[in-house]
Amino acid sequence: MHHDPGHDCSHLKEALADYLDGDLDTELCRELHAHLKDCHPCRVVVDSTRQTIRFFSQERPVQLPPEVQRRLQETLKTRILPPEEP
C-alpha cells in the first residue's frame, strides 16, 4: 500500500509527542504503527524527530561568551518585552 497524497496525517501530528514518549494508549499506538508502515512521509517525520531528540539529549549546555549573552538578552528584551513607558 502506498501513501495517498490526499490522506490526512494530522492525527500523527497530534499524537507524535505521546507516541515518542511512550505515553500513547495501546489501540492508538497500533493504529499509528500501521499508518507508519504505509506512510513514508510520516515515517520521515517520526524518524527525524527521534534523531533530533537523541542528538539534543546528549548535548551538554554550552556557555555563551559574555558579549553573545549581552547581545542575546538585548535582542530578547526588544522583541519580547513591551517598550517601557517614559
N, C-alpha and C. Protein backbone atom coordinates (compact mmCIF):
# COMPACT_ATOMS: atom_id res chain seq x y z
N MET A 1 0.85 -1.19 0.00
CA MET A 1 0.00 0.00 0.00
C MET A 1 0.89 1.24 0.00
N HIS A 2 0.51 2.21 -0.81
CA HIS A 2 1.28 3.46 -0.89
C HIS A 2 0.53 4.58 -0.20
N HIS A 3 1.27 5.58 0.17
CA HIS A 3 0.68 6.76 0.83
C HIS A 3 -0.21 7.50 -0.15
N ASP A 4 -1.41 7.78 0.27
CA ASP A 4 -2.35 8.56 -0.53
C ASP A 4 -2.09 10.04 -0.24
N PRO A 5 -1.67 10.82 -1.25
CA PRO A 5 -1.36 12.23 -1.01
C PRO A 5 -2.53 13.01 -0.42
N GLY A 6 -3.76 12.54 -0.64
CA GLY A 6 -4.90 13.23 -0.09
C GLY A 6 -5.21 12.81 1.34
N HIS A 7 -4.48 11.83 1.84
CA HIS A 7 -4.73 11.31 3.19
C HIS A 7 -4.32 12.35 4.23
N ASP A 8 -5.18 12.51 5.23
CA ASP A 8 -4.91 13.47 6.28
C ASP A 8 -4.09 12.81 7.39
N CYS A 9 -2.89 13.25 7.57
CA CYS A 9 -1.99 12.66 8.57
C CYS A 9 -1.97 13.49 9.86
N SER A 10 -2.94 14.36 10.04
CA SER A 10 -2.94 15.25 11.19
C SER A 10 -3.01 14.49 12.50
N HIS A 11 -3.62 13.29 12.49
CA HIS A 11 -3.69 12.51 13.73
C HIS A 11 -2.30 12.14 14.23
N LEU A 12 -1.36 11.95 13.30
CA LEU A 12 0.02 11.66 13.70
C LEU A 12 0.61 12.87 14.41
N LYS A 13 0.42 14.05 13.86
CA LYS A 13 0.97 15.26 14.46
C LYS A 13 0.42 15.46 15.86
N GLU A 14 -0.87 15.17 16.02
CA GLU A 14 -1.49 15.34 17.34
C GLU A 14 -0.96 14.34 18.36
N ALA A 15 -0.61 13.14 17.90
CA ALA A 15 -0.20 12.06 18.81
C ALA A 15 1.31 11.89 18.89
N LEU A 16 2.06 12.64 18.11
CA LEU A 16 3.50 12.41 17.99
C LEU A 16 4.26 12.48 19.32
N ALA A 17 4.03 13.51 20.09
CA ALA A 17 4.76 13.66 21.36
C ALA A 17 4.46 12.49 22.29
N ASP A 18 3.17 12.12 22.43
CA ASP A 18 2.82 10.99 23.29
C ASP A 18 3.42 9.70 22.75
N TYR A 19 3.41 9.54 21.45
CA TYR A 19 3.99 8.33 20.84
C TYR A 19 5.48 8.22 21.15
N LEU A 20 6.21 9.29 20.93
CA LEU A 20 7.66 9.26 21.15
C LEU A 20 8.01 9.13 22.63
N ASP A 21 7.12 9.61 23.51
CA ASP A 21 7.35 9.49 24.95
C ASP A 21 6.90 8.13 25.48
N GLY A 22 6.23 7.33 24.63
CA GLY A 22 5.72 6.03 25.08
C GLY A 22 4.46 6.16 25.91
N ASP A 23 3.75 7.28 25.76
CA ASP A 23 2.55 7.54 26.57
C ASP A 23 1.24 7.38 25.79
N LEU A 24 1.32 6.80 24.61
CA LEU A 24 0.13 6.65 23.78
C LEU A 24 -0.63 5.40 24.18
N ASP A 25 -1.96 5.47 24.19
CA ASP A 25 -2.74 4.29 24.56
C ASP A 25 -2.53 3.18 23.52
N THR A 26 -2.70 1.94 23.93
CA THR A 26 -2.33 0.77 23.14
C THR A 26 -3.01 0.75 21.78
N GLU A 27 -4.29 1.01 21.74
CA GLU A 27 -5.03 0.96 20.47
C GLU A 27 -4.54 2.02 19.50
N LEU A 28 -4.38 3.24 19.98
CA LEU A 28 -3.89 4.31 19.11
C LEU A 28 -2.46 4.03 18.66
N CYS A 29 -1.68 3.43 19.52
CA CYS A 29 -0.31 3.06 19.18
C CYS A 29 -0.30 2.04 18.03
N ARG A 30 -1.20 1.05 18.08
CA ARG A 30 -1.32 0.07 16.99
C ARG A 30 -1.71 0.75 15.68
N GLU A 31 -2.67 1.66 15.78
CA GLU A 31 -3.10 2.39 14.58
C GLU A 31 -1.95 3.19 13.98
N LEU A 32 -1.19 3.82 14.85
CA LEU A 32 -0.06 4.63 14.41
C LEU A 32 1.01 3.77 13.75
N HIS A 33 1.30 2.61 14.34
CA HIS A 33 2.28 1.68 13.75
C HIS A 33 1.82 1.25 12.36
N ALA A 34 0.54 0.93 12.20
CA ALA A 34 0.01 0.53 10.90
C ALA A 34 0.13 1.68 9.90
N HIS A 35 -0.18 2.89 10.35
CA HIS A 35 -0.08 4.06 9.49
C HIS A 35 1.37 4.29 9.06
N LEU A 36 2.30 4.20 10.01
CA LEU A 36 3.71 4.44 9.70
C LEU A 36 4.26 3.40 8.73
N LYS A 37 3.73 2.20 8.80
CA LYS A 37 4.18 1.13 7.90
C LYS A 37 3.92 1.51 6.45
N ASP A 38 2.80 2.22 6.21
CA ASP A 38 2.39 2.54 4.85
C ASP A 38 2.61 3.99 4.44
N CYS A 39 3.04 4.83 5.35
CA CYS A 39 3.15 6.27 5.03
C CYS A 39 4.59 6.75 5.21
N HIS A 40 5.30 6.81 4.10
CA HIS A 40 6.70 7.23 4.14
C HIS A 40 6.89 8.64 4.70
N PRO A 41 6.09 9.64 4.28
CA PRO A 41 6.29 10.98 4.84
C PRO A 41 6.17 11.02 6.37
N CYS A 42 5.23 10.28 6.92
CA CYS A 42 5.08 10.27 8.38
C CYS A 42 6.23 9.54 9.05
N ARG A 43 6.74 8.47 8.41
CA ARG A 43 7.92 7.78 8.96
C ARG A 43 9.10 8.72 9.01
N VAL A 44 9.26 9.55 7.99
CA VAL A 44 10.36 10.52 7.95
C VAL A 44 10.21 11.50 9.11
N VAL A 45 8.99 11.97 9.36
CA VAL A 45 8.76 12.91 10.47
C VAL A 45 9.12 12.26 11.80
N VAL A 46 8.64 11.03 12.02
CA VAL A 46 8.92 10.33 13.28
C VAL A 46 10.41 10.07 13.44
N ASP A 47 11.05 9.55 12.39
CA ASP A 47 12.48 9.25 12.47
C ASP A 47 13.32 10.50 12.69
N SER A 48 12.98 11.58 11.99
CA SER A 48 13.72 12.84 12.15
C SER A 48 13.55 13.40 13.56
N THR A 49 12.33 13.32 14.07
CA THR A 49 12.07 13.81 15.42
C THR A 49 12.84 12.99 16.45
N ARG A 50 12.84 11.68 16.28
CA ARG A 50 13.61 10.80 17.19
C ARG A 50 15.09 11.16 17.17
N GLN A 51 15.63 11.34 15.96
CA GLN A 51 17.05 11.66 15.84
C GLN A 51 17.36 13.01 16.48
N THR A 52 16.48 13.97 16.31
CA THR A 52 16.68 15.29 16.90
C THR A 52 16.67 15.20 18.43
N ILE A 53 15.70 14.47 18.97
CA ILE A 53 15.63 14.29 20.42
C ILE A 53 16.89 13.61 20.93
N ARG A 54 17.31 12.56 20.24
CA ARG A 54 18.51 11.82 20.65
C ARG A 54 19.74 12.73 20.61
N PHE A 55 19.86 13.51 19.55
CA PHE A 55 21.02 14.41 19.41
C PHE A 55 21.07 15.43 20.53
N PHE A 56 19.95 16.11 20.77
CA PHE A 56 19.95 17.18 21.76
C PHE A 56 19.96 16.66 23.19
N SER A 57 19.50 15.44 23.42
CA SER A 57 19.53 14.91 24.78
C SER A 57 20.94 14.53 25.19
N GLN A 58 21.82 14.37 24.23
CA GLN A 58 23.21 14.01 24.54
C GLN A 58 24.10 15.23 24.69
N GLU A 59 23.61 16.37 24.28
CA GLU A 59 24.40 17.59 24.33
C GLU A 59 24.49 18.15 25.75
N ARG A 60 25.61 18.72 26.02
CA ARG A 60 25.80 19.42 27.30
C ARG A 60 25.55 20.91 27.05
N PRO A 61 25.09 21.60 28.08
CA PRO A 61 24.89 23.04 27.90
C PRO A 61 26.19 23.74 27.49
N VAL A 62 26.06 24.71 26.64
CA VAL A 62 27.21 25.47 26.15
C VAL A 62 27.20 26.83 26.82
N GLN A 63 28.33 27.23 27.35
CA GLN A 63 28.46 28.55 27.96
C GLN A 63 28.72 29.56 26.86
N LEU A 64 27.81 30.51 26.71
CA LEU A 64 27.98 31.55 25.70
C LEU A 64 28.98 32.58 26.20
N PRO A 65 29.77 33.12 25.29
CA PRO A 65 30.67 34.20 25.67
C PRO A 65 29.86 35.39 26.18
N PRO A 66 30.42 36.17 27.11
CA PRO A 66 29.69 37.30 27.72
C PRO A 66 29.08 38.25 26.69
N GLU A 67 29.81 38.58 25.63
CA GLU A 67 29.30 39.51 24.63
C GLU A 67 28.08 38.92 23.91
N VAL A 68 28.10 37.64 23.63
CA VAL A 68 26.96 36.99 22.97
C VAL A 68 25.77 36.97 23.93
N GLN A 69 26.01 36.69 25.19
CA GLN A 69 24.93 36.72 26.18
C GLN A 69 24.27 38.09 26.25
N ARG A 70 25.10 39.14 26.27
CA ARG A 70 24.60 40.51 26.36
C ARG A 70 23.75 40.84 25.14
N ARG A 71 24.24 40.52 23.94
CA ARG A 71 23.50 40.80 22.71
C ARG A 71 22.21 40.00 22.65
N LEU A 72 22.25 38.77 23.08
CA LEU A 72 21.05 37.94 23.09
C LEU A 72 20.00 38.52 24.03
N GLN A 73 20.44 38.91 25.22
CA GLN A 73 19.50 39.50 26.19
C GLN A 73 18.89 40.79 25.65
N GLU A 74 19.70 41.62 25.03
CA GLU A 74 19.18 42.87 24.46
C GLU A 74 18.16 42.59 23.36
N THR A 75 18.46 41.64 22.51
CA THR A 75 17.55 41.28 21.43
C THR A 75 16.24 40.74 21.98
N LEU A 76 16.32 39.87 22.96
CA LEU A 76 15.11 39.30 23.55
C LEU A 76 14.27 40.38 24.22
N LYS A 77 14.93 41.30 24.90
CA LYS A 77 14.20 42.39 25.57
C LYS A 77 13.45 43.24 24.56
N THR A 78 14.09 43.54 23.45
CA THR A 78 13.45 44.42 22.47
C THR A 78 12.36 43.71 21.67
N ARG A 79 12.45 42.41 21.55
CA ARG A 79 11.45 41.69 20.74
C ARG A 79 10.35 41.06 21.57
N ILE A 80 10.58 40.82 22.83
CA ILE A 80 9.59 40.13 23.66
C ILE A 80 8.90 41.09 24.62
N LEU A 81 9.66 41.91 25.30
CA LEU A 81 9.08 42.82 26.28
C LEU A 81 8.50 44.06 25.60
N PRO A 82 7.36 44.53 26.09
CA PRO A 82 6.83 45.78 25.53
C PRO A 82 7.75 46.94 25.91
N PRO A 83 7.76 47.98 25.11
CA PRO A 83 8.61 49.13 25.43
C PRO A 83 8.19 49.76 26.75
N GLU A 84 9.18 50.22 27.50
CA GLU A 84 8.88 50.88 28.78
C GLU A 84 8.29 52.25 28.51
N GLU A 85 7.29 52.60 29.31
CA GLU A 85 6.69 53.92 29.16
C GLU A 85 7.53 54.95 29.90
N PRO A 86 7.66 56.16 29.33
CA PRO A 86 8.50 57.20 29.98
C PRO A 86 7.88 57.74 31.24
